[in-house]
């Protein structure tokens, strides 16, 4: 799903610097939504429980890189896997 960065160097970054950084792993979170519930509710969750989130079906999800919101995107399927198509750049990672 990820696009190759082999032929891409961001503006104002030297090729040598980019070569050193391009293989550094980043923590990526895909946030479908959030909710706040009392402990008394969460303590009764079990297999099959439904947890309602604060986003509507079809809304973009948030993509966080190292804990910072950087992108928004849409859930897609690729073969039998889920993926995210980036639809908006919020902040450069």
PDB file of N, CA and C in Angstrom:
ATOM      1  N   UNK A   1       0.821  -1.187   0.000  1.00  0.00           N
ATOM      2  CA  UNK A   1       0.000   0.000   0.000  1.00  0.00           C
ATOM      3  C   UNK A   1       0.865   1.250   0.000  1.00  0.00           C
ATOM      4  N   UNK A   2       1.989   1.232   0.743  1.00  0.00           N
ATOM      5  CA  UNK A   2       2.835   2.405   0.807  1.00  0.00           C
ATOM      6  C   UNK A   2       3.514   2.634  -0.532  1.00  0.00           C
ATOM      7  N   UNK A   3       3.624   3.899  -0.901  1.00  0.00           N
ATOM      8  CA  UNK A   3       4.275   4.238  -2.150  1.00  0.00           C
ATOM      9  C   UNK A   3       5.780   4.274  -1.935  1.00  0.00           C
ATOM     10  N   UNK A   4       6.531   3.965  -2.975  1.00  0.00           N
ATOM     11  CA  UNK A   4       7.980   3.982  -2.912  1.00  0.00           C
ATOM     12  C   UNK A   4       8.480   5.413  -2.792  1.00  0.00           C
ATOM     13  N   UNK A   5       9.519   5.595  -1.981  1.00  0.00           N
ATOM     14  CA  UNK A   5      10.133   6.912  -1.844  1.00  0.00           C
ATOM     15  C   UNK A   5      11.514   6.931  -2.475  1.00  0.00           C
ATOM     16  N   UNK A   6      11.863   5.893  -3.237  1.00  0.00           N
ATOM     17  CA  UNK A   6      13.204   5.767  -3.796  1.00  0.00           C
ATOM     18  C   UNK A   6      13.580   6.963  -4.663  1.00  0.00           C
ATOM     19  N   UNK A   7      12.661   7.520  -5.420  1.00  0.00           N
ATOM     20  CA  UNK A   7      12.966   8.614  -6.327  1.00  0.00           C
ATOM     21  C   UNK A   7      12.492   9.961  -5.799  1.00  0.00           C
ATOM     22  N   UNK A   8      12.211  10.061  -4.523  1.00  0.00           N
ATOM     23  CA  UNK A   8      11.660  11.285  -3.951  1.00  0.00           C
ATOM     24  C   UNK A   8      12.586  11.829  -2.885  1.00  0.00           C
ATOM     25  N   UNK A   9      12.946  13.089  -2.993  1.00  0.00           N
ATOM     26  CA  UNK A   9      13.654  13.798  -1.936  1.00  0.00           C
ATOM     27  C   UNK A   9      12.873  15.071  -1.655  1.00  0.00           C
ATOM     28  N   UNK A  10      12.433  15.268  -0.406  1.00  0.00           N
ATOM     29  CA  UNK A  10      11.663  16.480  -0.082  1.00  0.00           C
ATOM     30  C   UNK A  10      12.473  17.739  -0.362  1.00  0.00           C
ATOM     31  N   UNK A  11      11.794  18.850  -0.646  1.00  0.00           N
ATOM     32  CA  UNK A  11      12.498  20.115  -0.857  1.00  0.00           C
ATOM     33  C   UNK A  11      13.304  20.502   0.376  1.00  0.00           C
ATOM     34  N   UNK A  12      14.419  21.148   0.187  1.00  0.00           N
ATOM     35  CA  UNK A  12      15.286  21.651   1.269  1.00  0.00           C
ATOM     36  C   UNK A  12      15.917  20.546   2.106  1.00  0.00           C
ATOM     37  N   UNK A  13      15.983  19.321   1.559  1.00  0.00           N
ATOM     38  CA  UNK A  13      16.637  18.214   2.256  1.00  0.00           C
ATOM     39  C   UNK A  13      17.661  17.631   1.295  1.00  0.00           C
ATOM     40  N   UNK A  14      18.901  17.502   1.753  1.00  0.00           N
ATOM     41  CA  UNK A  14      19.936  16.965   0.873  1.00  0.00           C
ATOM     42  C   UNK A  14      19.699  15.482   0.614  1.00  0.00           C
ATOM     43  N   UNK A  15      20.211  14.994  -0.510  1.00  0.00           N
ATOM     44  CA  UNK A  15      20.077  13.578  -0.840  1.00  0.00           C
ATOM     45  C   UNK A  15      20.694  12.699   0.244  1.00  0.00           C
ATOM     46  N   UNK A  16      21.837  13.129   0.784  1.00  0.00           N
ATOM     47  CA  UNK A  16      22.512  12.344   1.820  1.00  0.00           C
ATOM     48  C   UNK A  16      21.672  12.277   3.095  1.00  0.00           C
ATOM     49  N   UNK A  17      21.100  13.410   3.485  1.00  0.00           N
ATOM     50  CA  UNK A  17      20.250  13.432   4.687  1.00  0.00           C
ATOM     51  C   UNK A  17      19.029  12.554   4.479  1.00  0.00           C
ATOM     52  N   UNK A  18      18.398  12.678   3.309  1.00  0.00           N
ATOM     53  CA  UNK A  18      17.206  11.874   3.018  1.00  0.00           C
ATOM     54  C   UNK A  18      17.547  10.388   3.018  1.00  0.00           C
ATOM     55  N   UNK A  19      18.700  10.023   2.470  1.00  0.00           N
ATOM     56  CA  UNK A  19      19.115   8.623   2.449  1.00  0.00           C
ATOM     57  C   UNK A  19      19.252   8.084   3.873  1.00  0.00           C
ATOM     58  N   UNK A  20      19.759   8.912   4.796  1.00  0.00           N
ATOM     59  CA  UNK A  20      19.904   8.488   6.194  1.00  0.00           C
ATOM     60  C   UNK A  20      18.571   8.375   6.909  1.00  0.00           C
ATOM     61  N   UNK A  21      17.602   9.211   6.543  1.00  0.00           N
ATOM     62  CA  UNK A  21      16.316   9.239   7.239  1.00  0.00           C
ATOM     63  C   UNK A  21      15.269   8.311   6.628  1.00  0.00           C
ATOM     64  N   UNK A  22      15.418   7.976   5.363  1.00  0.00           N
ATOM     65  CA  UNK A  22      14.345   7.278   4.653  1.00  0.00           C
ATOM     66  C   UNK A  22      14.025   5.894   5.207  1.00  0.00           C
ATOM     67  N   UNK A  23      14.944   5.268   5.923  1.00  0.00           N
ATOM     68  CA  UNK A  23      14.687   3.937   6.474  1.00  0.00           C
ATOM     69  C   UNK A  23      14.338   3.956   7.967  1.00  0.00           C
ATOM     70  N   UNK A  24      14.188   5.148   8.555  1.00  0.00           N
ATOM     71  CA  UNK A  24      13.843   5.252   9.972  1.00  0.00           C
ATOM     72  C   UNK A  24      12.371   4.894  10.146  1.00  0.00           C
ATOM     73  N   UNK A  25      12.079   3.965  11.047  1.00  0.00           N
ATOM     74  CA  UNK A  25      10.693   3.558  11.305  1.00  0.00           C
ATOM     75  C   UNK A  25       9.951   4.630  12.079  1.00  0.00           C
ATOM     76  N   UNK A  26       8.673   4.810  11.731  1.00  0.00           N
ATOM     77  CA  UNK A  26       7.804   5.772  12.388  1.00  0.00           C
ATOM     78  C   UNK A  26       6.604   5.024  12.960  1.00  0.00           C
ATOM     79  N   UNK A  27       6.103   5.474  14.078  1.00  0.00           N
ATOM     80  CA  UNK A  27       4.889   4.916  14.654  1.00  0.00           C
ATOM     81  C   UNK A  27       3.692   5.573  13.975  1.00  0.00           C
ATOM     82  N   UNK A  28       2.809   4.773  13.373  1.00  0.00           N
ATOM     83  CA  UNK A  28       1.645   5.302  12.663  1.00  0.00           C
ATOM     84  C   UNK A  28       0.383   4.764  13.317  1.00  0.00           C
ATOM     85  N   UNK A  29      -0.542   5.652  13.667  1.00  0.00           N
ATOM     86  CA  UNK A  29      -1.832   5.273  14.248  1.00  0.00           C
ATOM     87  C   UNK A  29      -2.936   5.687  13.289  1.00  0.00           C
ATOM     88  N   UNK A  30      -3.896   4.813  13.095  1.00  0.00           N
ATOM     89  CA  UNK A  30      -5.068   5.119  12.285  1.00  0.00           C
ATOM     90  C   UNK A  30      -6.235   5.206  13.246  1.00  0.00           C
ATOM     91  N   UNK A  31      -6.778   6.393  13.432  1.00  0.00           N
ATOM     92  CA  UNK A  31      -7.801   6.630  14.448  1.00  0.00           C
ATOM     93  C   UNK A  31      -9.172   6.643  13.782  1.00  0.00           C
ATOM     94  N   UNK A  32      -9.946   5.601  14.038  1.00  0.00           N
ATOM     95  CA  UNK A  32     -11.289   5.501  13.486  1.00  0.00           C
ATOM     96  C   UNK A  32     -12.263   6.392  14.228  1.00  0.00           C
ATOM     97  N   UNK A  33     -11.971   6.706  15.458  1.00  0.00           N
ATOM     98  CA  UNK A  33     -12.836   7.540  16.277  1.00  0.00           C
ATOM     99  C   UNK A  33     -12.482   7.342  17.735  1.00  0.00           C
ATOM    100  N   UNK A  34     -13.087   8.122  18.583  1.00  0.00           N
ATOM    101  CA  UNK A  34     -12.841   8.005  20.019  1.00  0.00           C
ATOM    102  C   UNK A  34     -14.172   8.087  20.754  1.00  0.00           C
ATOM    103  N   UNK A  35     -14.133   7.693  21.996  1.00  0.00           N
ATOM    104  CA  UNK A  35     -15.301   7.816  22.861  1.00  0.00           C
ATOM    105  C   UNK A  35     -14.827   7.840  24.299  1.00  0.00           C
ATOM    106  N   UNK A  36     -15.644   8.350  25.166  1.00  0.00           N
ATOM    107  CA  UNK A  36     -15.367   8.342  26.601  1.00  0.00           C
ATOM    108  C   UNK A  36     -16.521   7.627  27.281  1.00  0.00           C
ATOM    109  N   UNK A  37     -16.175   6.617  28.063  1.00  0.00           N
ATOM    110  CA  UNK A  37     -17.209   5.863  28.778  1.00  0.00           C
ATOM    111  C   UNK A  37     -16.773   5.670  30.224  1.00  0.00           C
ATOM    112  N   UNK A  38     -17.734   5.559  31.122  1.00  0.00           N
ATOM    113  CA  UNK A  38     -17.379   5.276  32.515  1.00  0.00           C
ATOM    114  C   UNK A  38     -16.798   3.867  32.638  1.00  0.00           C
ATOM    115  N   UNK A  39     -15.936   3.691  33.618  1.00  0.00           N
ATOM    116  CA  UNK A  39     -15.345   2.377  33.864  1.00  0.00           C
ATOM    117  C   UNK A  39     -16.422   1.316  34.040  1.00  0.00           C
ATOM    118  N   UNK A  40     -17.521   1.699  34.693  1.00  0.00           N
ATOM    119  CA  UNK A  40     -18.592   0.720  34.942  1.00  0.00           C
ATOM    120  C   UNK A  40     -19.163   0.173  33.632  1.00  0.00           C
ATOM    121  N   UNK A  41     -19.147   0.972  32.570  1.00  0.00           N
ATOM    122  CA  UNK A  41     -19.608   0.500  31.260  1.00  0.00           C
ATOM    123  C   UNK A  41     -18.564  -0.410  30.629  1.00  0.00           C
ATOM    124  N   UNK A  42     -17.301   0.051  30.616  1.00  0.00           N
ATOM    125  CA  UNK A  42     -16.229  -0.728  29.988  1.00  0.00           C
ATOM    126  C   UNK A  42     -16.013  -2.067  30.685  1.00  0.00           C
ATOM    127  N   UNK A  43     -16.271  -2.119  31.979  1.00  0.00           N
ATOM    128  CA  UNK A  43     -16.034  -3.372  32.716  1.00  0.00           C
ATOM    129  C   UNK A  43     -17.011  -4.471  32.315  1.00  0.00           C
ATOM    130  N   UNK A  44     -18.106  -4.120  31.634  1.00  0.00           N
ATOM    131  CA  UNK A  44     -19.067  -5.130  31.195  1.00  0.00           C
ATOM    132  C   UNK A  44     -18.904  -5.512  29.731  1.00  0.00           C
ATOM    133  N   UNK A  45     -17.933  -4.910  29.021  1.00  0.00           N
ATOM    134  CA  UNK A  45     -17.712  -5.275  27.627  1.00  0.00           C
ATOM    135  C   UNK A  45     -17.230  -6.711  27.538  1.00  0.00           C
ATOM    136  N   UNK A  46     -17.693  -7.375  26.511  1.00  0.00           N
ATOM    137  CA  UNK A  46     -17.252  -8.739  26.256  1.00  0.00           C
ATOM    138  C   UNK A  46     -17.255  -8.948  24.743  1.00  0.00           C
ATOM    139  N   UNK A  47     -16.900 -10.129  24.323  1.00  0.00           N
ATOM    140  CA  UNK A  47     -16.907 -10.430  22.895  1.00  0.00           C
ATOM    141  C   UNK A  47     -18.291 -10.148  22.327  1.00  0.00           C
ATOM    142  N   UNK A  48     -18.341  -9.386  21.260  1.00  0.00           N
ATOM    143  CA  UNK A  48     -19.610  -9.028  20.637  1.00  0.00           C
ATOM    144  C   UNK A  48     -20.177  -7.695  21.085  1.00  0.00           C
ATOM    145  N   UNK A  49     -19.551  -7.060  22.095  1.00  0.00           N
ATOM    146  CA  UNK A  49     -20.022  -5.746  22.548  1.00  0.00           C
ATOM    147  C   UNK A  49     -19.816  -4.717  21.442  1.00  0.00           C
ATOM    148  N   UNK A  50     -20.690  -3.746  21.374  1.00  0.00           N
ATOM    149  CA  UNK A  50     -20.606  -2.682  20.384  1.00  0.00           C
ATOM    150  C   UNK A  50     -20.171  -1.400  21.077  1.00  0.00           C
ATOM    151  N   UNK A  51     -19.126  -0.782  20.554  1.00  0.00           N
ATOM    152  CA  UNK A  51     -18.607   0.463  21.106  1.00  0.00           C
ATOM    153  C   UNK A  51     -18.863   1.553  20.078  1.00  0.00           C
ATOM    154  N   UNK A  52     -19.671   2.529  20.424  1.00  0.00           N
ATOM    155  CA  UNK A  52     -20.016   3.607  19.509  1.00  0.00           C
ATOM    156  C   UNK A  52     -18.930   4.678  19.547  1.00  0.00           C
ATOM    157  N   UNK A  53     -18.513   5.131  18.358  1.00  0.00           N
ATOM    158  CA  UNK A  53     -17.464   6.136  18.251  1.00  0.00           C
ATOM    159  C   UNK A  53     -18.047   7.493  17.888  1.00  0.00           C
ATOM    160  N   UNK A  54     -17.204   8.530  17.938  1.00  0.00           N
ATOM    161  CA  UNK A  54     -17.668   9.891  17.687  1.00  0.00           C
ATOM    162  C   UNK A  54     -17.613  10.290  16.212  1.00  0.00           C
ATOM    163  N   UNK A  55     -17.370   9.358  15.311  1.00  0.00           N
ATOM    164  CA  UNK A  55     -17.330   9.670  13.876  1.00  0.00           C
ATOM    165  C   UNK A  55     -18.486   8.994  13.173  1.00  0.00           C
ATOM    166  N   UNK A  56     -18.920   9.613  12.093  1.00  0.00           N
ATOM    167  CA  UNK A  56     -19.989   9.042  11.285  1.00  0.00           C
ATOM    168  C   UNK A  56     -19.405   8.106  10.242  1.00  0.00           C
ATOM    169  N   UNK A  57     -20.167   7.100   9.830  1.00  0.00           N
ATOM    170  CA  UNK A  57     -19.728   6.199   8.774  1.00  0.00           C
ATOM    171  C   UNK A  57     -19.425   7.031   7.534  1.00  0.00           C
ATOM    172  N   UNK A  58     -18.316   6.754   6.881  1.00  0.00           N
ATOM    173  CA  UNK A  58     -17.936   7.476   5.676  1.00  0.00           C
ATOM    174  C   UNK A  58     -17.060   8.687   5.914  1.00  0.00           C
ATOM    175  N   UNK A  59     -16.916   9.114   7.169  1.00  0.00           N
ATOM    176  CA  UNK A  59     -16.037  10.244   7.474  1.00  0.00           C
ATOM    177  C   UNK A  59     -14.584   9.811   7.335  1.00  0.00           C
ATOM    178  N   UNK A  60     -13.715  10.782   7.045  1.00  0.00           N
ATOM    179  CA  UNK A  60     -12.286  10.492   7.007  1.00  0.00           C
ATOM    180  C   UNK A  60     -11.787  10.085   8.376  1.00  0.00           C
ATOM    181  N   UNK A  61     -10.756   9.241   8.387  1.00  0.00           N
ATOM    182  CA  UNK A  61     -10.111   8.882   9.646  1.00  0.00           C
ATOM    183  C   UNK A  61      -8.853   9.715   9.799  1.00  0.00           C
ATOM    184  N   UNK A  62      -8.369   9.833  11.023  1.00  0.00           N
ATOM    185  CA  UNK A  62      -7.143  10.571  11.296  1.00  0.00           C
ATOM    186  C   UNK A  62      -5.959   9.607  11.232  1.00  0.00           C
ATOM    187  N   UNK A  63      -4.851  10.088  10.664  1.00  0.00           N
ATOM    188  CA  UNK A  63      -3.618   9.317  10.594  1.00  0.00           C
ATOM    189  C   UNK A  63      -2.567  10.097  11.367  1.00  0.00           C
ATOM    190  N   UNK A  64      -2.099   9.513  12.464  1.00  0.00           N
ATOM    191  CA  UNK A  64      -1.105  10.152  13.308  1.00  0.00           C
ATOM    192  C   UNK A  64       0.252   9.500  13.062  1.00  0.00           C
ATOM    193  N   UNK A  65       1.295  10.319  12.941  1.00  0.00           N
ATOM    194  CA  UNK A  65       2.659   9.833  12.811  1.00  0.00           C
ATOM    195  C   UNK A  65       3.405  10.301  14.044  1.00  0.00           C
ATOM    196  N   UNK A  66       3.926   9.340  14.799  1.00  0.00           N
ATOM    197  CA  UNK A  66       4.598   9.640  16.065  1.00  0.00           C
ATOM    198  C   UNK A  66       3.740  10.514  16.973  1.00  0.00           C
ATOM    199  N   UNK A  67       2.435  10.215  17.003  1.00  0.00           N
ATOM    200  CA  UNK A  67       1.519  10.901  17.901  1.00  0.00           C
ATOM    201  C   UNK A  67       0.999  12.244  17.405  1.00  0.00           C
ATOM    202  N   UNK A  68       1.415  12.686  16.210  1.00  0.00           N
ATOM    203  CA  UNK A  68       0.973  13.982  15.677  1.00  0.00           C
ATOM    204  C   UNK A  68       0.063  13.760  14.477  1.00  0.00           C
ATOM    205  N   UNK A  69      -1.065  14.472  14.457  1.00  0.00           N
ATOM    206  CA  UNK A  69      -1.984  14.379  13.334  1.00  0.00           C
ATOM    207  C   UNK A  69      -1.295  14.928  12.089  1.00  0.00           C
ATOM    208  N   UNK A  70      -1.108  14.078  11.071  1.00  0.00           N
ATOM    209  CA  UNK A  70      -0.427  14.490   9.845  1.00  0.00           C
ATOM    210  C   UNK A  70      -1.314  14.367   8.611  1.00  0.00           C
ATOM    211  N   UNK A  71      -2.223  13.393   8.605  1.00  0.00           N
ATOM    212  CA  UNK A  71      -3.033  13.127   7.425  1.00  0.00           C
ATOM    213  C   UNK A  71      -4.460  12.770   7.829  1.00  0.00           C
ATOM    214  N   UNK A  72      -5.350  12.853   6.864  1.00  0.00           N
ATOM    215  CA  UNK A  72      -6.686  12.270   6.985  1.00  0.00           C
ATOM    216  C   UNK A  72      -6.856  11.375   5.773  1.00  0.00           C
ATOM    217  N   UNK A  73      -7.659  10.333   5.917  1.00  0.00           N
ATOM    218  CA  UNK A  73      -7.816   9.407   4.811  1.00  0.00           C
ATOM    219  C   UNK A  73      -9.086   8.599   4.899  1.00  0.00           C
ATOM    220  N   UNK A  74      -9.303   7.802   3.863  1.00  0.00           N
ATOM    221  CA  UNK A  74     -10.485   6.945   3.772  1.00  0.00           C
ATOM    222  C   UNK A  74     -10.061   5.489   3.842  1.00  0.00           C
ATOM    223  N   UNK A  75     -10.874   4.694   4.543  1.00  0.00           N
ATOM    224  CA  UNK A  75     -10.633   3.258   4.607  1.00  0.00           C
ATOM    225  C   UNK A  75     -10.938   2.658   3.241  1.00  0.00           C
ATOM    226  N   UNK A  76     -10.022   1.823   2.743  1.00  0.00           N
ATOM    227  CA  UNK A  76     -10.214   1.121   1.477  1.00  0.00           C
ATOM    228  C   UNK A  76      -9.851  -0.348   1.681  1.00  0.00           C
ATOM    229  N   UNK A  77     -10.247  -1.181   0.746  1.00  0.00           N
ATOM    230  CA  UNK A  77      -9.813  -2.574   0.781  1.00  0.00           C
ATOM    231  C   UNK A  77      -8.899  -2.827  -0.408  1.00  0.00           C
ATOM    232  N   UNK A  78      -7.854  -3.586  -0.155  1.00  0.00           N
ATOM    233  CA  UNK A  78      -6.898  -3.980  -1.181  1.00  0.00           C
ATOM    234  C   UNK A  78      -6.794  -5.492  -1.083  1.00  0.00           C
ATOM    235  N   UNK A  79      -7.340  -6.176  -2.105  1.00  0.00           N
ATOM    236  CA  UNK A  79      -7.494  -7.636  -2.031  1.00  0.00           C
ATOM    237  C   UNK A  79      -8.353  -7.924  -0.798  1.00  0.00           C
ATOM    238  N   UNK A  80      -7.817  -8.632   0.185  1.00  0.00           N
ATOM    239  CA  UNK A  80      -8.591  -8.924   1.396  1.00  0.00           C
ATOM    240  C   UNK A  80      -8.112  -8.118   2.598  1.00  0.00           C
ATOM    241  N   UNK A  81      -7.246  -7.143   2.362  1.00  0.00           N
ATOM    242  CA  UNK A  81      -6.689  -6.334   3.447  1.00  0.00           C
ATOM    243  C   UNK A  81      -7.319  -4.952   3.468  1.00  0.00           C
ATOM    244  N   UNK A  82      -7.284  -4.333   4.633  1.00  0.00           N
ATOM    245  CA  UNK A  82      -7.709  -2.947   4.764  1.00  0.00           C
ATOM    246  C   UNK A  82      -6.515  -2.042   4.532  1.00  0.00           C
ATOM    247  N   UNK A  83      -6.774  -0.850   4.044  1.00  0.00           N
ATOM    248  CA  UNK A  83      -5.749   0.160   3.872  1.00  0.00           C
ATOM    249  C   UNK A  83      -6.379   1.524   4.049  1.00  0.00           C
ATOM    250  N   UNK A  84      -5.561   2.563   3.911  1.00  0.00           N
ATOM    251  CA  UNK A  84      -6.052   3.935   4.018  1.00  0.00           C
ATOM    252  C   UNK A  84      -5.543   4.721   2.825  1.00  0.00           C
ATOM    253  N   UNK A  85      -6.446   5.383   2.138  1.00  0.00           N
ATOM    254  CA  UNK A  85      -6.076   6.295   1.048  1.00  0.00           C
ATOM    255  C   UNK A  85      -5.996   7.689   1.654  1.00  0.00           C
ATOM    256  N   UNK A  86      -4.830   8.317   1.558  1.00  0.00           N
ATOM    257  CA  UNK A  86      -4.636   9.655   2.101  1.00  0.00           C
ATOM    258  C   UNK A  86      -5.437  10.646   1.254  1.00  0.00           C
ATOM    259  N   UNK A  87      -6.282  11.433   1.903  1.00  0.00           N
ATOM    260  CA  UNK A  87      -7.104  12.423   1.202  1.00  0.00           C
ATOM    261  C   UNK A  87      -6.730  13.853   1.546  1.00  0.00           C
ATOM    262  N   UNK A  88      -5.990  14.024   2.644  1.00  0.00           N
ATOM    263  CA  UNK A  88      -5.646  15.378   3.069  1.00  0.00           C
ATOM    264  C   UNK A  88      -4.335  15.353   3.860  1.00  0.00           C
ATOM    265  N   UNK A  89      -3.437  16.280   3.566  1.00  0.00           N
ATOM    266  CA  UNK A  89      -2.234  16.451   4.366  1.00  0.00           C
ATOM    267  C   UNK A  89      -2.531  17.570   5.348  1.00  0.00           C
ATOM    268  N   UNK A  90      -2.513  17.236   6.630  1.00  0.00           N
ATOM    269  CA  UNK A  90      -2.805  18.214   7.671  1.00  0.00           C
ATOM    270  C   UNK A  90      -1.520  18.909   8.098  1.00  0.00           C
ATOM    271  N   UNK A  91      -0.464  18.100   8.255  1.00  0.00           N
ATOM    272  CA  UNK A  91       0.832  18.619   8.691  1.00  0.00           C
ATOM    273  C   UNK A  91       1.889  17.653   8.192  1.00  0.00           C
ATOM    274  N   UNK A  92       2.979  18.172   7.665  1.00  0.00           N
ATOM    275  CA  UNK A  92       4.072  17.301   7.227  1.00  0.00           C
ATOM    276  C   UNK A  92       4.613  16.538   8.425  1.00  0.00           C
ATOM    277  N   UNK A  93       4.856  15.219   8.257  1.00  0.00           N
ATOM    278  CA  UNK A  93       5.387  14.439   9.395  1.00  0.00           C
ATOM    279  C   UNK A  93       6.783  14.872   9.801  1.00  0.00           C
TER     280      UNK A  93
END
